[in-house]
Amino acid sequence: MRLPIIKHLVTNDSMDAVTLATAVDVLIELSEARGVKDEEMDAIGELVSNCEGAIAVMEDITKNNTSIKDALNGFMKRVIGSTDHE
């Protein structure tokens, strides 16, 4: 998961949560294809996590009227906090 990629998706006016959710569905379907190699699976997983992160940030912005900067920072704090407990 990379914050610059998530920020790019969030600030791109042609992207919305529905478009990203569709992209996630396509990527997941691709991951289930026969013959997908491990390195391809890793790349798909990274793309899915970035899209899902962008969706979460977009939801925070719209539901809580959070600024983009605060929504991105809050999201990364939650991600880092969840990995600290593992």
PDB file of N, CA and C in Angstrom:
ATOM      1  N   MET A   1       0.852  -1.166   0.000  1.00  0.00           N
ATOM      2  CA  MET A   1       0.000   0.000   0.000  1.00  0.00           C
ATOM      3  C   MET A   1       0.902   1.234   0.000  1.00  0.00           C
ATOM      4  N   ARG A   2       0.642   2.116  -0.952  1.00  0.00           N
ATOM      5  CA  ARG A   2       1.497   3.291  -1.094  1.00  0.00           C
ATOM      6  C   ARG A   2       0.654   4.559  -1.077  1.00  0.00           C
ATOM      7  N   LEU A   3       0.959   5.424  -0.126  1.00  0.00           N
ATOM      8  CA  LEU A   3       0.200   6.657   0.048  1.00  0.00           C
ATOM      9  C   LEU A   3       0.187   7.548  -1.198  1.00  0.00           C
ATOM     10  N   PRO A   4       1.307   7.719  -1.924  1.00  0.00           N
ATOM     11  CA  PRO A   4       1.235   8.567  -3.119  1.00  0.00           C
ATOM     12  C   PRO A   4       0.253   8.045  -4.170  1.00  0.00           C
ATOM     13  N   ILE A   5       0.149   6.736  -4.291  1.00  0.00           N
ATOM     14  CA  ILE A   5      -0.801   6.159  -5.255  1.00  0.00           C
ATOM     15  C   ILE A   5      -2.225   6.383  -4.784  1.00  0.00           C
ATOM     16  N   ILE A   6      -2.472   6.166  -3.506  1.00  0.00           N
ATOM     17  CA  ILE A   6      -3.809   6.393  -2.949  1.00  0.00           C
ATOM     18  C   ILE A   6      -4.195   7.859  -3.109  1.00  0.00           C
ATOM     19  N   LYS A   7      -3.268   8.752  -2.811  1.00  0.00           N
ATOM     20  CA  LYS A   7      -3.536  10.194  -2.949  1.00  0.00           C
ATOM     21  C   LYS A   7      -3.864  10.526  -4.395  1.00  0.00           C
ATOM     22  N   HIS A   8      -3.121   9.960  -5.335  1.00  0.00           N
ATOM     23  CA  HIS A   8      -3.390  10.211  -6.745  1.00  0.00           C
ATOM     24  C   HIS A   8      -4.810   9.782  -7.119  1.00  0.00           C
ATOM     25  N   LEU A   9      -5.214   8.619  -6.668  1.00  0.00           N
ATOM     26  CA  LEU A   9      -6.561   8.131  -6.981  1.00  0.00           C
ATOM     27  C   LEU A   9      -7.628   9.013  -6.348  1.00  0.00           C
ATOM     28  N   VAL A  10      -7.395   9.448  -5.114  1.00  0.00           N
ATOM     29  CA  VAL A  10      -8.374  10.270  -4.393  1.00  0.00           C
ATOM     30  C   VAL A  10      -8.514  11.649  -5.036  1.00  0.00           C
ATOM     31  N   THR A  11      -7.414  12.216  -5.491  1.00  0.00           N
ATOM     32  CA  THR A  11      -7.454  13.580  -6.034  1.00  0.00           C
ATOM     33  C   THR A  11      -7.747  13.632  -7.527  1.00  0.00           C
ATOM     34  N   ASN A  12      -7.850  12.487  -8.171  1.00  0.00           N
ATOM     35  CA  ASN A  12      -8.165  12.432  -9.594  1.00  0.00           C
ATOM     36  C   ASN A  12      -9.677  12.612  -9.761  1.00  0.00           C
ATOM     37  N   ASP A  13     -10.070  13.698 -10.407  1.00  0.00           N
ATOM     38  CA  ASP A  13     -11.495  14.016 -10.540  1.00  0.00           C
ATOM     39  C   ASP A  13     -12.282  12.989 -11.345  1.00  0.00           C
ATOM     40  N   SER A  14     -11.604  12.192 -12.165  1.00  0.00           N
ATOM     41  CA  SER A  14     -12.326  11.206 -12.966  1.00  0.00           C
ATOM     42  C   SER A  14     -12.528   9.890 -12.213  1.00  0.00           C
ATOM     43  N   MET A  15     -11.991   9.789 -10.994  1.00  0.00           N
ATOM     44  CA  MET A  15     -12.137   8.579 -10.181  1.00  0.00           C
ATOM     45  C   MET A  15     -13.197   8.804  -9.106  1.00  0.00           C
ATOM     46  N   ASP A  16     -13.983   7.797  -8.863  1.00  0.00           N
ATOM     47  CA  ASP A  16     -14.898   7.815  -7.721  1.00  0.00           C
ATOM     48  C   ASP A  16     -14.914   6.413  -7.119  1.00  0.00           C
ATOM     49  N   ALA A  17     -15.584   6.275  -5.987  1.00  0.00           N
ATOM     50  CA  ALA A  17     -15.573   4.997  -5.279  1.00  0.00           C
ATOM     51  C   ALA A  17     -16.175   3.871  -6.112  1.00  0.00           C
ATOM     52  N   VAL A  18     -17.185   4.175  -6.905  1.00  0.00           N
ATOM     53  CA  VAL A  18     -17.823   3.145  -7.738  1.00  0.00           C
ATOM     54  C   VAL A  18     -16.852   2.655  -8.810  1.00  0.00           C
ATOM     55  N   THR A  19     -16.141   3.566  -9.440  1.00  0.00           N
ATOM     56  CA  THR A  19     -15.159   3.192 -10.461  1.00  0.00           C
ATOM     57  C   THR A  19     -14.060   2.335  -9.849  1.00  0.00           C
ATOM     58  N   LEU A  20     -13.582   2.741  -8.676  1.00  0.00           N
ATOM     59  CA  LEU A  20     -12.531   1.972  -8.015  1.00  0.00           C
ATOM     60  C   LEU A  20     -13.036   0.593  -7.585  1.00  0.00           C
ATOM     61  N   ALA A  21     -14.270   0.531  -7.110  1.00  0.00           N
ATOM     62  CA  ALA A  21     -14.834  -0.763  -6.715  1.00  0.00           C
ATOM     63  C   ALA A  21     -14.940  -1.693  -7.923  1.00  0.00           C
ATOM     64  N   THR A  22     -15.282  -1.140  -9.067  1.00  0.00           N
ATOM     65  CA  THR A  22     -15.326  -1.933 -10.292  1.00  0.00           C
ATOM     66  C   THR A  22     -13.933  -2.443 -10.649  1.00  0.00           C
ATOM     67  N   ALA A  23     -12.944  -1.569 -10.518  1.00  0.00           N
ATOM     68  CA  ALA A  23     -11.558  -1.980 -10.791  1.00  0.00           C
ATOM     69  C   ALA A  23     -11.135  -3.109  -9.861  1.00  0.00           C
ATOM     70  N   VAL A  24     -11.516  -3.017  -8.588  1.00  0.00           N
ATOM     71  CA  VAL A  24     -11.197  -4.074  -7.620  1.00  0.00           C
ATOM     72  C   VAL A  24     -11.840  -5.384  -8.045  1.00  0.00           C
ATOM     73  N   ASP A  25     -13.094  -5.326  -8.466  1.00  0.00           N
ATOM     74  CA  ASP A  25     -13.784  -6.545  -8.921  1.00  0.00           C
ATOM     75  C   ASP A  25     -13.055  -7.184 -10.108  1.00  0.00           C
ATOM     76  N   VAL A  26     -12.621  -6.365 -11.044  1.00  0.00           N
ATOM     77  CA  VAL A  26     -11.903  -6.879 -12.216  1.00  0.00           C
ATOM     78  C   VAL A  26     -10.583  -7.511 -11.785  1.00  0.00           C
ATOM     79  N   LEU A  27      -9.853  -6.832 -10.910  1.00  0.00           N
ATOM     80  CA  LEU A  27      -8.564  -7.361 -10.452  1.00  0.00           C
ATOM     81  C   LEU A  27      -8.729  -8.677  -9.697  1.00  0.00           C
ATOM     82  N   ILE A  28      -9.750  -8.764  -8.872  1.00  0.00           N
ATOM     83  CA  ILE A  28      -9.990 -10.003  -8.137  1.00  0.00           C
ATOM     84  C   ILE A  28     -10.334 -11.131  -9.104  1.00  0.00           C
ATOM     85  N   GLU A  29     -11.139 -10.826 -10.095  1.00  0.00           N
ATOM     86  CA  GLU A  29     -11.476 -11.831 -11.109  1.00  0.00           C
ATOM     87  C   GLU A  29     -10.213 -12.293 -11.840  1.00  0.00           C
ATOM     88  N   LEU A  30      -9.334 -11.349 -12.175  1.00  0.00           N
ATOM     89  CA  LEU A  30      -8.064 -11.697 -12.818  1.00  0.00           C
ATOM     90  C   LEU A  30      -7.221 -12.608 -11.935  1.00  0.00           C
ATOM     91  N   SER A  31      -7.215 -12.335 -10.644  1.00  0.00           N
ATOM     92  CA  SER A  31      -6.393 -13.127  -9.727  1.00  0.00           C
ATOM     93  C   SER A  31      -6.846 -14.575  -9.653  1.00  0.00           C
ATOM     94  N   GLU A  32      -8.085 -14.825 -10.023  1.00  0.00           N
ATOM     95  CA  GLU A  32      -8.622 -16.174  -9.969  1.00  0.00           C
ATOM     96  C   GLU A  32      -8.407 -16.945 -11.273  1.00  0.00           C
ATOM     97  N   ALA A  33      -7.791 -16.279 -12.257  1.00  0.00           N
ATOM     98  CA  ALA A  33      -7.543 -16.937 -13.544  1.00  0.00           C
ATOM     99  C   ALA A  33      -6.462 -18.014 -13.394  1.00  0.00           C
ATOM    100  N   ARG A  34      -6.631 -19.038 -14.144  1.00  0.00           N
ATOM    101  CA  ARG A  34      -5.666 -20.134 -14.126  1.00  0.00           C
ATOM    102  C   ARG A  34      -4.327 -19.658 -14.687  1.00  0.00           C
ATOM    103  N   GLY A  35      -3.255 -20.024 -14.046  1.00  0.00           N
ATOM    104  CA  GLY A  35      -1.932 -19.703 -14.555  1.00  0.00           C
ATOM    105  C   GLY A  35      -1.352 -18.383 -14.083  1.00  0.00           C
ATOM    106  N   VAL A  36      -2.027 -17.701 -13.176  1.00  0.00           N
ATOM    107  CA  VAL A  36      -1.474 -16.450 -12.658  1.00  0.00           C
ATOM    108  C   VAL A  36      -0.272 -16.787 -11.785  1.00  0.00           C
ATOM    109  N   LYS A  37       0.862 -16.163 -12.089  1.00  0.00           N
ATOM    110  CA  LYS A  37       2.106 -16.435 -11.371  1.00  0.00           C
ATOM    111  C   LYS A  37       2.141 -15.664 -10.055  1.00  0.00           C
ATOM    112  N   ASP A  38       3.005 -16.106  -9.156  1.00  0.00           N
ATOM    113  CA  ASP A  38       3.107 -15.486  -7.834  1.00  0.00           C
ATOM    114  C   ASP A  38       3.402 -13.993  -7.919  1.00  0.00           C
ATOM    115  N   GLU A  39       4.346 -13.595  -8.771  1.00  0.00           N
ATOM    116  CA  GLU A  39       4.685 -12.181  -8.870  1.00  0.00           C
ATOM    117  C   GLU A  39       3.534 -11.364  -9.452  1.00  0.00           C
ATOM    118  N   GLU A  40       2.751 -11.966 -10.332  1.00  0.00           N
ATOM    119  CA  GLU A  40       1.559 -11.305 -10.861  1.00  0.00           C
ATOM    120  C   GLU A  40       0.506 -11.167  -9.763  1.00  0.00           C
ATOM    121  N   MET A  41       0.375 -12.204  -8.956  1.00  0.00           N
ATOM    122  CA  MET A  41      -0.568 -12.163  -7.843  1.00  0.00           C
ATOM    123  C   MET A  41      -0.181 -11.068  -6.850  1.00  0.00           C
ATOM    124  N   ASP A  42       1.109 -10.927  -6.596  1.00  0.00           N
ATOM    125  CA  ASP A  42       1.578  -9.859  -5.705  1.00  0.00           C
ATOM    126  C   ASP A  42       1.220  -8.486  -6.258  1.00  0.00           C
ATOM    127  N   ALA A  43       1.423  -8.289  -7.548  1.00  0.00           N
ATOM    128  CA  ALA A  43       1.108  -7.000  -8.181  1.00  0.00           C
ATOM    129  C   ALA A  43      -0.393  -6.724  -8.119  1.00  0.00           C
ATOM    130  N   ILE A  44      -1.193  -7.737  -8.379  1.00  0.00           N
ATOM    131  CA  ILE A  44      -2.648  -7.576  -8.307  1.00  0.00           C
ATOM    132  C   ILE A  44      -3.055  -7.219  -6.881  1.00  0.00           C
ATOM    133  N   GLY A  45      -2.477  -7.901  -5.910  1.00  0.00           N
ATOM    134  CA  GLY A  45      -2.791  -7.623  -4.511  1.00  0.00           C
ATOM    135  C   GLY A  45      -2.440  -6.198  -4.124  1.00  0.00           C
ATOM    136  N   GLU A  46      -1.311  -5.713  -4.603  1.00  0.00           N
ATOM    137  CA  GLU A  46      -0.893  -4.328  -4.326  1.00  0.00           C
ATOM    138  C   GLU A  46      -1.875  -3.339  -4.947  1.00  0.00           C
ATOM    139  N   LEU A  47      -2.296  -3.607  -6.176  1.00  0.00           N
ATOM    140  CA  LEU A  47      -3.271  -2.732  -6.836  1.00  0.00           C
ATOM    141  C   LEU A  47      -4.601  -2.727  -6.098  1.00  0.00           C
ATOM    142  N   VAL A  48      -5.054  -3.894  -5.677  1.00  0.00           N
ATOM    143  CA  VAL A  48      -6.311  -3.989  -4.938  1.00  0.00           C
ATOM    144  C   VAL A  48      -6.218  -3.209  -3.627  1.00  0.00           C
ATOM    145  N   SER A  49      -5.118  -3.367  -2.900  1.00  0.00           N
ATOM    146  CA  SER A  49      -5.004  -2.675  -1.611  1.00  0.00           C
ATOM    147  C   SER A  49      -4.951  -1.162  -1.808  1.00  0.00           C
ATOM    148  N   ASN A  50      -4.306  -0.685  -2.867  1.00  0.00           N
ATOM    149  CA  ASN A  50      -4.292   0.752  -3.135  1.00  0.00           C
ATOM    150  C   ASN A  50      -5.682   1.270  -3.492  1.00  0.00           C
ATOM    151  N   CYS A  51      -6.413   0.527  -4.299  1.00  0.00           N
ATOM    152  CA  CYS A  51      -7.782   0.933  -4.652  1.00  0.00           C
ATOM    153  C   CYS A  51      -8.690   0.924  -3.434  1.00  0.00           C
ATOM    154  N   GLU A  52      -8.593  -0.124  -2.625  1.00  0.00           N
ATOM    155  CA  GLU A  52      -9.418  -0.204  -1.410  1.00  0.00           C
ATOM    156  C   GLU A  52      -9.062   0.926  -0.443  1.00  0.00           C
ATOM    157  N   GLY A  53      -7.781   1.254  -0.348  1.00  0.00           N
ATOM    158  CA  GLY A  53      -7.366   2.372   0.491  1.00  0.00           C
ATOM    159  C   GLY A  53      -7.960   3.676   0.006  1.00  0.00           C
ATOM    160  N   ALA A  54      -7.937   3.889  -1.295  1.00  0.00           N
ATOM    161  CA  ALA A  54      -8.517   5.108  -1.864  1.00  0.00           C
ATOM    162  C   ALA A  54     -10.017   5.177  -1.604  1.00  0.00           C
ATOM    163  N   ILE A  55     -10.695   4.052  -1.696  1.00  0.00           N
ATOM    164  CA  ILE A  55     -12.136   4.020  -1.406  1.00  0.00           C
ATOM    165  C   ILE A  55     -12.387   4.412   0.046  1.00  0.00           C
ATOM    166  N   ALA A  56     -11.599   3.882   0.972  1.00  0.00           N
ATOM    167  CA  ALA A  56     -11.763   4.209   2.393  1.00  0.00           C
ATOM    168  C   ALA A  56     -11.526   5.694   2.644  1.00  0.00           C
ATOM    169  N   VAL A  57     -10.516   6.256   2.008  1.00  0.00           N
ATOM    170  CA  VAL A  57     -10.228   7.686   2.173  1.00  0.00           C
ATOM    171  C   VAL A  57     -11.368   8.519   1.584  1.00  0.00           C
ATOM    172  N   MET A  58     -11.859   8.140   0.408  1.00  0.00           N
ATOM    173  CA  MET A  58     -12.971   8.867  -0.209  1.00  0.00           C
ATOM    174  C   MET A  58     -14.209   8.841   0.682  1.00  0.00           C
ATOM    175  N   GLU A  59     -14.474   7.689   1.296  1.00  0.00           N
ATOM    176  CA  GLU A  59     -15.626   7.583   2.194  1.00  0.00           C
ATOM    177  C   GLU A  59     -15.465   8.490   3.401  1.00  0.00           C
ATOM    178  N   ASP A  60     -14.255   8.555   3.963  1.00  0.00           N
ATOM    179  CA  ASP A  60     -13.998   9.439   5.095  1.00  0.00           C
ATOM    180  C   ASP A  60     -14.229  10.898   4.700  1.00  0.00           C
ATOM    181  N   ILE A  61     -13.777  11.264   3.513  1.00  0.00           N
ATOM    182  CA  ILE A  61     -13.931  12.639   3.037  1.00  0.00           C
ATOM    183  C   ILE A  61     -15.410  12.989   2.879  1.00  0.00           C
ATOM    184  N   THR A  62     -16.175  12.111   2.264  1.00  0.00           N
ATOM    185  CA  THR A  62     -17.576  12.424   1.990  1.00  0.00           C
ATOM    186  C   THR A  62     -18.473  12.270   3.214  1.00  0.00           C
ATOM    187  N   LYS A  63     -18.278  11.224   3.993  1.00  0.00           N
ATOM    188  CA  LYS A  63     -19.154  10.976   5.142  1.00  0.00           C
ATOM    189  C   LYS A  63     -18.862  11.886   6.323  1.00  0.00           C
ATOM    190  N   ASN A  64     -17.582  12.213   6.532  1.00  0.00           N
ATOM    191  CA  ASN A  64     -17.194  12.986   7.712  1.00  0.00           C
ATOM    192  C   ASN A  64     -16.729  14.394   7.378  1.00  0.00           C
ATOM    193  N   ASN A  65     -16.801  14.758   6.087  1.00  0.00           N
ATOM    194  CA  ASN A  65     -16.362  16.073   5.642  1.00  0.00           C
ATOM    195  C   ASN A  65     -14.911  16.347   6.059  1.00  0.00           C
ATOM    196  N   THR A  66     -14.097  15.305   5.996  1.00  0.00           N
ATOM    197  CA  THR A  66     -12.688  15.379   6.368  1.00  0.00           C
ATOM    198  C   THR A  66     -11.891  15.933   5.193  1.00  0.00           C
ATOM    199  N   SER A  67     -10.863  16.712   5.476  1.00  0.00           N
ATOM    200  CA  SER A  67      -9.997  17.202   4.399  1.00  0.00           C
ATOM    201  C   SER A  67      -9.233  16.018   3.809  1.00  0.00           C
ATOM    202  N   ILE A  68      -8.771  16.180   2.587  1.00  0.00           N
ATOM    203  CA  ILE A  68      -8.010  15.111   1.935  1.00  0.00           C
ATOM    204  C   ILE A  68      -6.781  14.761   2.759  1.00  0.00           C
ATOM    205  N   LYS A  69      -6.060  15.779   3.192  1.00  0.00           N
ATOM    206  CA  LYS A  69      -4.838  15.554   3.965  1.00  0.00           C
ATOM    207  C   LYS A  69      -5.131  14.784   5.249  1.00  0.00           C
ATOM    208  N   ASP A  70      -6.161  15.207   5.987  1.00  0.00           N
ATOM    209  CA  ASP A  70      -6.497  14.529   7.246  1.00  0.00           C
ATOM    210  C   ASP A  70      -7.012  13.110   7.008  1.00  0.00           C
ATOM    211  N   ALA A  71      -7.769  12.929   5.933  1.00  0.00           N
ATOM    212  CA  ALA A  71      -8.288  11.592   5.627  1.00  0.00           C
ATOM    213  C   ALA A  71      -7.145  10.643   5.266  1.00  0.00           C
ATOM    214  N   LEU A  72      -6.185  11.126   4.475  1.00  0.00           N
ATOM    215  CA  LEU A  72      -5.031  10.298   4.112  1.00  0.00           C
ATOM    216  C   LEU A  72      -4.188   9.964   5.340  1.00  0.00           C
ATOM    217  N   ASN A  73      -3.917  10.972   6.160  1.00  0.00           N
ATOM    218  CA  ASN A  73      -3.122  10.739   7.371  1.00  0.00           C
ATOM    219  C   ASN A  73      -3.827   9.787   8.329  1.00  0.00           C
ATOM    220  N   GLY A  74      -5.120   9.969   8.499  1.00  0.00           N
ATOM    221  CA  GLY A  74      -5.889   9.088   9.384  1.00  0.00           C
ATOM    222  C   GLY A  74      -5.892   7.657   8.889  1.00  0.00           C
ATOM    223  N   PHE A  75      -6.027   7.494   7.588  1.00  0.00           N
ATOM    224  CA  PHE A  75      -6.023   6.159   7.011  1.00  0.00           C
ATOM    225  C   PHE A  75      -4.688   5.468   7.258  1.00  0.00           C
ATOM    226  N   MET A  76      -3.593   6.163   6.982  1.00  0.00           N
ATOM    227  CA  MET A  76      -2.276   5.559   7.169  1.00  0.00           C
ATOM    228  C   MET A  76      -2.009   5.257   8.646  1.00  0.00           C
ATOM    229  N   LYS A  77      -2.485   6.091   9.536  1.00  0.00           N
ATOM    230  CA  LYS A  77      -2.324   5.802  10.970  1.00  0.00           C
ATOM    231  C   LYS A  77      -3.067   4.521  11.342  1.00  0.00           C
ATOM    232  N   ARG A  78      -4.270   4.337  10.785  1.00  0.00           N
ATOM    233  CA  ARG A  78      -5.015   3.106  11.067  1.00  0.00           C
ATOM    234  C   ARG A  78      -4.300   1.896  10.491  1.00  0.00           C
ATOM    235  N   VAL A  79      -3.732   2.028   9.301  1.00  0.00           N
ATOM    236  CA  VAL A  79      -3.010   0.920   8.675  1.00  0.00           C
ATOM    237  C   VAL A  79      -1.778   0.572   9.498  1.00  0.00           C
ATOM    238  N   ILE A  80      -1.009   1.574   9.865  1.00  0.00           N
ATOM    239  CA  ILE A  80       0.194   1.337  10.654  1.00  0.00           C
ATOM    240  C   ILE A  80      -0.172   0.756  12.012  1.00  0.00           C
ATOM    241  N   GLY A  81      -1.232   1.247  12.622  1.00  0.00           N
ATOM    242  CA  GLY A  81      -1.694   0.722  13.914  1.00  0.00           C
ATOM    243  C   GLY A  81      -2.122  -0.727  13.815  1.00  0.00           C
ATOM    244  N   SER A  82      -2.731  -1.097  12.700  1.00  0.00           N
ATOM    245  CA  SER A  82      -3.176  -2.494  12.553  1.00  0.00           C
ATOM    246  C   SER A  82      -2.015  -3.430  12.319  1.00  0.00           C
ATOM    247  N   THR A  83      -0.935  -2.948  11.706  1.00  0.00           N
ATOM    248  CA  THR A  83       0.217  -3.819  11.485  1.00  0.00           C
ATOM    249  C   THR A  83       1.095  -3.911  12.716  1.00  0.00           C
ATOM    250  N   ASP A  84       1.005  -2.949  13.636  1.00  0.00           N
ATOM    251  CA  ASP A  84       1.778  -2.997  14.868  1.00  0.00           C
ATOM    252  C   ASP A  84       1.301  -4.107  15.796  1.00  0.00           C
ATOM    253  N   HIS A  85       0.043  -4.515  15.645  1.00  0.00           N
ATOM    254  CA  HIS A  85      -0.543  -5.515  16.551  1.00  0.00           C
ATOM    255  C   HIS A  85      -0.303  -6.933  16.092  1.00  0.00           C
ATOM    256  N   GLU A  86       0.316  -7.109  14.931  1.00  0.00           N
ATOM    257  CA  GLU A  86       0.525  -8.463  14.402  1.00  0.00           C
ATOM    258  C   GLU A  86       1.764  -9.095  14.986  1.00  0.00           C
TER     259      GLU A  86
END
